[in-house]
Amino acid sequence: MPCSDIRETIEIRLDIDDRVSAYRLNKLTCGADVGKSDLLFDLIVGKTAEELLDFPTHTLVRHLKDPDPTLEFLAFKHLFAIQAALRVFTGVDPGNPTSECTVTQISNDFAGIEFTGILAQAPILERIKACGHCGTC
């Protein structure tokens, strides 16, 4: 039976130089991957939060190499989810329960920092719908 809770979790790991080293996007309730859980890994690994917050959408479209509509939708969902989480991580957004991304945990160890948040889907879906692939969002 499908669940009515459509929220998702985002986990982002930053290395000791504050560069993205891993991320995962999963369903909150069942833990299932959203598409491939790290769909944009090759595109974002090694980038700083600031680079990803300014990441142009036209670069994403070029990276997909002949995408089908479902893959394109998922890629934008991943990018906008990563950006929502990084806005909270960098302090641009508060990360409280009314935010696009609500921070649930931040931890660190010898390898870097791990940020975990819960994503509200409506704002992200609106951003995807509004994006005309012009590169300005």
Protein backbone atom coordinates (compact mmCIF):
# COMPACT_ATOMS: atom_id res chain seq x y z
CA MET A 1 0.00 0.00 0.00
CA PRO A 2 1.52 3.36 -1.01
CA CYS A 3 2.37 5.78 1.74
CA SER A 4 0.95 9.31 1.77
CA ASP A 5 4.18 10.72 3.28
CA ILE A 6 6.11 11.85 0.19
CA ARG A 7 8.95 13.55 2.03
CA GLU A 8 12.50 12.52 1.28
CA THR A 9 15.77 12.51 3.15
CA ILE A 10 18.99 13.97 1.86
CA GLU A 11 22.40 13.05 3.21
CA ILE A 12 25.45 15.01 2.10
CA ARG A 13 29.00 14.27 3.17
CA LEU A 14 31.63 16.97 2.89
CA ASP A 15 35.31 16.13 3.25
CA ILE A 16 37.75 18.04 5.47
CA ASP A 17 38.18 20.62 2.68
CA ASP A 18 34.38 21.25 2.61
CA ARG A 19 33.96 19.56 -0.76
CA VAL A 20 31.14 17.12 -1.45
CA SER A 21 32.38 13.55 -1.26
CA ALA A 22 29.03 11.71 -1.25
CA TYR A 23 25.28 12.20 -1.14
CA ARG A 24 22.08 10.14 -1.07
CA LEU A 25 18.45 11.02 -1.77
CA ASN A 26 15.91 8.54 -0.38
CA LYS A 27 12.24 8.26 0.54
CA LEU A 28 11.72 9.09 4.21
CA THR A 29 9.28 6.31 5.07
CA CYS A 30 10.71 3.29 3.30
CA GLY A 31 14.28 4.31 2.51
CA ALA A 32 13.85 3.56 -1.20
CA ASP A 33 16.11 5.44 -3.58
CA VAL A 34 14.72 8.39 -5.52
CA GLY A 35 15.79 7.23 -8.95
CA LYS A 36 19.38 6.25 -8.28
CA SER A 37 20.20 7.52 -4.79
CA ASP A 38 23.36 9.30 -5.98
CA LEU A 39 22.30 10.10 -9.55
CA LEU A 40 24.47 13.23 -9.86
CA PHE A 41 27.51 11.92 -8.00
CA ASP A 42 29.92 12.29 -10.95
CA LEU A 43 28.73 15.83 -11.54
CA ILE A 44 28.93 17.16 -7.98
CA VAL A 45 31.73 15.25 -6.25
CA GLY A 46 34.62 17.54 -5.32
CA LYS A 47 32.57 20.73 -5.57
CA THR A 48 32.09 23.14 -2.68
CA ALA A 49 28.70 24.16 -1.32
CA GLU A 50 29.11 27.59 -2.93
CA GLU A 51 29.84 26.06 -6.34
CA LEU A 52 26.76 23.85 -6.10
CA LEU A 53 24.49 26.67 -4.91
CA ASP A 54 25.49 28.59 -8.05
CA PHE A 55 25.35 25.52 -10.31
CA PRO A 56 23.75 26.44 -13.66
CA THR A 57 20.87 24.22 -14.75
CA HIS A 58 22.00 24.19 -18.38
CA THR A 59 25.15 22.35 -17.23
CA LEU A 60 22.94 19.68 -15.71
CA VAL A 61 21.01 19.24 -18.96
CA ARG A 62 24.26 18.89 -20.94
CA HIS A 63 25.57 16.33 -18.42
CA LEU A 64 22.58 14.02 -18.99
CA LYS A 65 23.49 13.18 -22.62
CA ASP A 66 20.17 12.58 -24.35
CA PRO A 67 17.99 12.26 -21.25
CA ASP A 68 14.54 10.82 -21.21
CA PRO A 69 11.91 12.95 -19.41
CA THR A 70 11.94 10.78 -16.27
CA LEU A 71 15.74 10.94 -15.93
CA GLU A 72 15.67 14.68 -16.52
CA PHE A 73 12.98 15.16 -13.86
CA LEU A 74 14.95 13.07 -11.36
CA ALA A 75 18.18 14.93 -12.12
CA PHE A 76 16.53 18.28 -11.43
CA LYS A 77 14.95 16.85 -8.28
CA HIS A 78 18.37 15.73 -7.06
CA LEU A 79 20.04 19.04 -7.89
CA PHE A 80 17.35 21.15 -6.23
CA ALA A 81 17.34 18.83 -3.17
CA ILE A 82 21.12 19.15 -2.84
CA GLN A 83 20.87 22.92 -3.16
CA ALA A 84 18.08 23.08 -0.54
CA ALA A 85 20.19 21.09 1.90
CA LEU A 86 23.30 23.16 1.23
CA ARG A 87 21.37 26.41 1.78
CA VAL A 88 20.57 25.12 5.26
CA PHE A 89 24.11 23.84 5.84
CA THR A 90 25.64 27.20 4.88
CA GLY A 91 23.11 29.20 6.91
CA VAL A 92 21.30 30.79 3.97
CA ASP A 93 18.06 29.06 5.04
CA PRO A 94 17.17 28.32 8.69
CA GLY A 95 16.49 24.58 8.30
CA ASN A 96 13.47 24.68 10.58
CA PRO A 97 10.21 22.72 10.05
CA THR A 98 8.80 25.36 7.67
CA SER A 99 11.85 25.33 5.39
CA GLU A 100 12.30 23.49 2.09
CA CYS A 101 14.85 21.35 3.94
CA THR A 102 14.65 20.67 7.66
CA VAL A 103 17.93 19.77 9.29
CA THR A 104 17.74 16.55 11.29
CA GLN A 105 21.40 15.91 12.03
CA ILE A 106 24.87 17.27 11.48
CA SER A 107 27.79 15.14 12.58
CA ASN A 108 31.50 15.18 12.00
CA ASP A 109 34.40 12.79 12.23
CA PHE A 110 38.00 12.60 11.02
CA ALA A 111 36.82 12.41 7.38
CA GLY A 112 34.54 15.46 7.36
CA ILE A 113 30.95 16.47 8.00
CA GLU A 114 27.69 14.69 7.29
CA PHE A 115 24.48 16.69 6.93
CA THR A 116 21.08 14.98 7.01
CA GLY A 117 17.79 16.71 6.30
CA ILE A 118 14.16 16.08 5.42
CA LEU A 119 12.87 17.69 2.24
CA ALA A 120 9.44 19.18 1.68
CA GLN A 121 8.46 18.15 -1.83
CA ALA A 122 6.08 20.93 -2.88
CA PRO A 123 8.73 23.69 -3.17
CA ILE A 124 11.15 21.43 -5.04
CA LEU A 125 8.46 20.28 -7.46
CA GLU A 126 7.48 23.92 -8.08
CA ARG A 127 11.11 24.75 -8.90
CA ILE A 128 11.27 21.84 -11.37
CA LYS A 129 7.99 22.90 -13.01
CA ALA A 130 9.14 26.52 -13.25
CA CYS A 131 12.53 25.64 -14.74
CA GLY A 132 12.53 26.15 -18.47
CA HIS A 133 16.15 24.97 -18.84
CA CYS A 134 17.22 28.52 -19.66
CA GLY A 135 20.10 28.40 -17.17
CA THR A 136 18.88 31.28 -15.02
CA CYS A 137 17.52 29.27 -12.09
